């Protein structure tokens, strides 16, 4: 459930803030669907492979500046039990 809320927040952020008008926003537009797909895969099958994919997608989302001041992405990344 917590991941579902996080995903909804990410998508809402993408729709509101990432309109493609700035160069950094283009990276967010690409990172958000990747993050959504990885989160769904991990929710359906919390395998190590899916966890690592989700972790990489979260890291890309953060590195591209998509998280901004929203600390939930950082908390989600820190809380993943991947190897």
Protein backbone atom coordinates (compact mmCIF):
# COMPACT_ATOMS: atom_id res chain seq x y z
CA UNK A 1 0.00 0.00 0.00
CA UNK A 2 2.83 2.38 0.91
CA UNK A 3 4.45 1.80 -2.49
CA UNK A 4 1.12 2.42 -4.20
CA UNK A 5 0.82 5.80 -2.52
CA UNK A 6 4.41 6.62 -3.47
CA UNK A 7 3.75 5.67 -7.10
CA UNK A 8 0.63 7.83 -7.19
CA UNK A 9 2.63 10.75 -5.82
CA UNK A 10 5.36 10.25 -8.41
CA UNK A 11 2.84 10.20 -11.22
CA UNK A 12 1.07 13.30 -9.93
CA UNK A 13 4.39 15.11 -9.65
CA UNK A 14 5.25 14.13 -13.19
CA UNK A 15 1.97 15.37 -14.57
CA UNK A 16 2.13 18.68 -12.70
CA UNK A 17 5.82 19.55 -12.76
CA UNK A 18 7.35 17.79 -15.71
CA UNK A 19 5.83 19.49 -18.72
CA UNK A 20 8.98 19.31 -20.84
CA UNK A 21 9.54 23.07 -20.82
CA UNK A 22 12.94 22.76 -19.13
CA UNK A 23 15.75 20.43 -20.18
CA UNK A 24 15.79 18.60 -16.81
CA UNK A 25 12.09 17.86 -17.06
CA UNK A 26 12.62 15.66 -20.12
CA UNK A 27 14.68 13.30 -17.96
CA UNK A 28 11.85 13.18 -15.43
CA UNK A 29 9.33 12.38 -18.13
CA UNK A 30 11.45 9.38 -19.08
CA UNK A 31 12.28 8.37 -15.49
CA UNK A 32 8.71 8.32 -14.16
CA UNK A 33 7.33 5.51 -16.38
CA UNK A 34 10.49 3.47 -15.72
CA UNK A 35 10.00 3.96 -11.99
CA UNK A 36 6.31 3.08 -12.21
CA UNK A 37 7.03 -0.13 -14.17
CA UNK A 38 9.80 -1.17 -11.78
CA UNK A 39 7.62 -0.47 -8.72
CA UNK A 40 4.74 -2.51 -10.14
CA UNK A 41 7.04 -5.42 -10.95
CA UNK A 42 8.51 -5.31 -7.45
CA UNK A 43 5.06 -5.17 -5.84
CA UNK A 44 3.94 -8.20 -7.83
CA UNK A 45 7.16 -10.17 -7.28
CA UNK A 46 9.53 -8.86 -4.59
CA UNK A 47 12.49 -10.84 -5.96
CA UNK A 48 16.07 -9.60 -5.67
CA UNK A 49 16.12 -8.87 -9.41
CA UNK A 50 12.94 -6.75 -9.22
CA UNK A 51 14.18 -5.04 -6.07
CA UNK A 52 17.43 -4.06 -7.78
CA UNK A 53 15.50 -2.85 -10.84
CA UNK A 54 13.23 -0.75 -8.61
CA UNK A 55 16.24 0.59 -6.70
CA UNK A 56 17.98 1.60 -9.95
CA UNK A 57 14.81 3.30 -11.21
CA UNK A 58 14.45 5.21 -7.91
CA UNK A 59 18.09 6.26 -8.08
CA UNK A 60 17.63 7.51 -11.66
CA UNK A 61 14.51 9.40 -10.59
CA UNK A 62 16.45 11.08 -7.78
CA UNK A 63 19.59 11.72 -9.86
CA UNK A 64 17.55 13.41 -12.59
CA UNK A 65 16.22 15.90 -10.03
CA UNK A 66 12.68 14.55 -10.20
CA UNK A 67 12.35 14.07 -6.43
CA UNK A 68 13.06 17.71 -5.64
CA UNK A 69 12.40 18.35 -1.97
CA UNK A 70 10.14 15.29 -1.63
CA UNK A 71 11.92 13.06 0.86
CA UNK A 72 9.69 10.03 0.24
CA UNK A 73 11.79 8.92 -2.74
CA UNK A 74 14.93 8.98 -0.59
CA UNK A 75 13.18 7.11 2.23
CA UNK A 76 11.84 4.51 -0.19
CA UNK A 77 15.32 4.00 -1.67
CA UNK A 78 16.90 3.66 1.77
CA UNK A 79 14.23 1.19 2.88
CA UNK A 80 14.66 -1.29 0.04
CA UNK A 81 16.13 -4.61 1.18
CA UNK A 82 18.06 -5.28 -2.07
CA UNK A 83 21.52 -6.81 -2.17
